[in-house]
Protein backbone atom coordinates (compact mmCIF):
# COMPACT_ATOMS: atom_id res chain seq x y z
CA UNK A 1 -0.07 0.11 -0.10
CA UNK A 2 1.37 3.57 -0.97
CA UNK A 3 2.05 5.77 1.98
CA UNK A 4 -0.41 8.37 0.67
CA UNK A 5 -3.30 5.85 0.83
CA UNK A 6 -2.14 4.94 4.46
CA UNK A 7 -2.24 8.62 5.59
CA UNK A 8 -5.66 9.01 4.07
CA UNK A 9 -6.97 5.90 5.89
CA UNK A 10 -5.48 7.50 9.09
CA UNK A 11 -7.20 10.79 8.48
CA UNK A 12 -10.46 8.93 7.59
CA UNK A 13 -10.30 7.15 10.89
CA UNK A 14 -9.67 10.48 12.86
CA UNK A 15 -12.54 12.14 11.05
CA UNK A 16 -14.78 9.13 12.21
CA UNK A 17 -13.46 9.04 15.62
CA UNK A 18 -14.16 12.73 16.05
CA UNK A 19 -17.71 12.87 14.50
CA UNK A 20 -20.59 13.24 16.76
CA UNK A 21 -22.72 11.36 14.21
CA UNK A 22 -22.63 10.04 10.79
CA UNK A 23 -23.57 12.39 7.65
CA UNK A 24 -23.93 11.60 3.97
CA UNK A 25 -20.79 13.73 3.32
CA UNK A 26 -18.73 11.68 5.77
CA UNK A 27 -19.96 8.49 4.35
CA UNK A 28 -19.13 9.40 1.00
CA UNK A 29 -15.77 10.47 1.79
CA UNK A 30 -15.20 6.97 3.23
CA UNK A 31 -16.42 5.49 -0.22
CA UNK A 32 -14.26 7.69 -2.33
CA UNK A 33 -11.23 5.20 -2.09
CA UNK A 34 -13.31 2.10 -2.47
CA UNK A 35 -12.43 0.33 -5.85
CA UNK A 36 -15.16 -2.29 -5.93
CA UNK A 37 -17.83 0.11 -5.03
CA UNK A 38 -16.64 2.66 -7.60
CA UNK A 39 -16.78 -0.03 -10.38
CA UNK A 40 -20.33 -0.91 -9.23
CA UNK A 41 -21.24 2.71 -9.26
CA UNK A 42 -20.06 3.14 -12.90
CA UNK A 43 -22.31 0.31 -13.88
CA UNK A 44 -25.26 1.65 -11.99
CA UNK A 45 -25.46 -1.20 -9.48
CA UNK A 46 -25.33 0.78 -6.32
CA UNK A 47 -28.55 2.01 -5.90
CA UNK A 48 -29.22 -0.01 -2.81
CA UNK A 49 -26.36 1.75 -0.90
CA UNK A 50 -27.31 5.19 -2.19
CA UNK A 51 -30.80 4.71 -1.05
CA UNK A 52 -29.76 3.76 2.48
CA UNK A 53 -27.45 6.63 2.61
CA UNK A 54 -30.11 8.89 1.38
CA UNK A 55 -32.57 7.80 4.15
CA UNK A 56 -29.99 7.62 6.94
CA UNK A 57 -30.01 3.78 7.39
CA UNK A 58 -26.16 4.12 8.47
CA UNK A 59 -25.78 0.81 9.93
CA UNK A 60 -27.26 -1.19 6.94
CA UNK A 61 -25.27 0.96 4.46
CA UNK A 62 -21.96 0.34 6.53
CA UNK A 63 -22.87 -3.47 6.40
CA UNK A 64 -23.46 -3.17 2.70
CA UNK A 65 -20.10 -1.28 2.12
CA UNK A 66 -18.15 -4.19 4.04
CA UNK A 67 -20.05 -6.82 2.02
CA UNK A 68 -19.12 -5.06 -1.38
CA UNK A 69 -15.54 -3.87 -0.57
CA UNK A 70 -14.25 -6.47 1.68
CA UNK A 71 -15.87 -9.75 0.82
CA UNK A 72 -13.24 -11.75 2.65
CA UNK A 73 -13.99 -10.27 5.88
CA UNK A 74 -16.70 -11.21 8.28
CA UNK A 75 -18.24 -9.73 11.52
CA UNK A 76 -16.27 -11.30 14.51
CA UNK A 77 -18.04 -9.42 17.26
CA UNK A 78 -20.22 -6.45 18.24
CA UNK A 79 -20.00 -5.34 21.82
CA UNK A 80 -21.43 -2.47 23.55
CA UNK A 81 -19.36 -1.72 26.92
CA UNK A 82 -19.45 1.37 28.90
CA UNK A 83 -21.56 3.34 26.45
CA UNK A 84 -19.31 2.63 23.47
CA UNK A 85 -19.66 -0.11 20.70
CA UNK A 86 -16.72 -2.09 19.71
CA UNK A 87 -16.81 -3.73 16.48
CA UNK A 88 -14.39 -6.37 15.14
CA UNK A 89 -14.07 -7.82 11.62
CA UNK A 90 -12.05 -10.74 10.73
CA UNK A 91 -10.66 -12.79 7.76
CA UNK A 92 -10.13 -15.80 9.90
CA UNK A 93 -13.45 -15.97 12.03
CA UNK A 94 -13.11 -19.68 12.33
CA UNK A 95 -9.86 -19.23 14.54
CA UNK A 96 -9.96 -18.77 18.16
CA UNK A 97 -10.02 -15.07 19.06
CA UNK A 98 -6.43 -15.26 20.55
CA UNK A 99 -4.99 -16.52 17.35
CA UNK A 100 -6.90 -13.99 15.02
CA UNK A 101 -6.07 -10.57 13.95
CA UNK A 102 -9.13 -8.57 13.61
CA UNK A 103 -9.93 -5.08 12.59
CA UNK A 104 -11.33 -3.24 15.31
CA UNK A 105 -13.22 0.02 15.67
CA UNK A 106 -14.90 1.68 18.46
CA UNK A 107 -17.38 4.75 18.95
CA UNK A 108 -20.46 5.75 20.92
CA UNK A 109 -22.42 5.51 17.61
CA UNK A 110 -22.66 1.97 16.11
CA UNK A 111 -22.33 2.93 12.43
CA UNK A 112 -19.10 4.97 13.13
CA UNK A 113 -17.75 1.99 15.03
CA UNK A 114 -18.49 -0.17 12.00
CA UNK A 115 -16.86 2.20 9.62
CA UNK A 116 -13.75 2.63 11.93
CA UNK A 117 -13.35 -1.23 11.88
CA UNK A 118 -13.93 -1.07 8.00
CA UNK A 119 -11.25 1.48 7.65
CA UNK A 120 -8.87 -0.54 9.80
CA UNK A 121 -9.64 -3.53 7.74
CA UNK A 122 -8.63 -1.55 4.51
CA UNK A 123 -5.32 -0.63 6.09
CA UNK A 124 -4.61 -4.03 7.32
CA UNK A 125 -5.50 -5.60 3.82
CA UNK A 126 -3.05 -3.15 2.24
CA UNK A 127 -0.25 -4.18 4.50
CA UNK A 128 -0.81 -8.02 4.51
CA UNK A 129 -0.47 -10.24 1.41
CA UNK A 130 -3.82 -11.42 0.12
CA UNK A 131 -4.06 -15.18 0.69
CA UNK A 132 -7.11 -16.40 -1.39
CA UNK A 133 -6.90 -20.04 -0.40
CA UNK A 134 -5.14 -22.52 1.96
CA UNK A 135 -5.04 -25.10 -0.79
CA UNK A 136 -1.77 -25.15 -2.57
CA UNK A 137 -2.01 -24.86 -6.42
CA UNK A 138 -1.00 -27.87 -8.30
CA UNK A 139 0.43 -27.82 -11.98
CA UNK A 140 -1.38 -29.97 -14.55
CA UNK A 141 -0.14 -33.30 -15.16
CA UNK A 142 1.64 -34.14 -18.32
CA UNK A 143 -0.14 -36.40 -20.92
CA UNK A 144 1.67 -39.46 -19.81
CA UNK A 145 2.80 -40.16 -16.40
CA UNK A 146 4.21 -43.08 -14.50
CA UNK A 147 3.46 -44.31 -11.07
CA UNK A 148 6.77 -45.20 -9.27
CA UNK A 149 5.49 -46.44 -6.05
CA UNK A 150 6.23 -49.92 -4.90
CA UNK A 151 3.17 -51.48 -3.67
CA UNK A 152 4.71 -54.82 -2.83
C-alpha cells in the first residue's frame, strides 16, 4: 500500500473518531477510495447503498459497504461496553480469537464503530499479502505419467 493511501486512511479514521454522528458527506468521503464500489457505481448497481445513505440507514449502509468492498472479511463481534460500541471484523473468524488478527473500531455511535473497523480492515488488507486459499496450487499433469510407487 502506498504511504499516501495509509495517510488518507489514518485521516479518515480520525474524522470518524471525532464525528458526533454520521452524515452523507462523511459516508461518501469513506467510499471515495473504494475500488469495488466505484466499479459498481459506474455500472449503476449501487442504488441500494445510495438509497440507504439517502434515508440515513447508516448501519445497513455500513454493512453493505463491507459486503461489497471487503468480501473476505466477516463480522467477528459487536459489543457495547461502557456506552461505547466495539466492532471487530475478521478474515479468519473460524480461528480462536487469541489467534486471530481482527480489525477493530470503537465509537459511541454504532455505524461509526462499524466504519472505523472497515477503515482499519482496509489498512490491514493493504499491509498484509492477500491469501485467497489455503489449498496449494498444483500444476497440470503431463499427458503421460508413470507411477513409481512400490506397492509390494
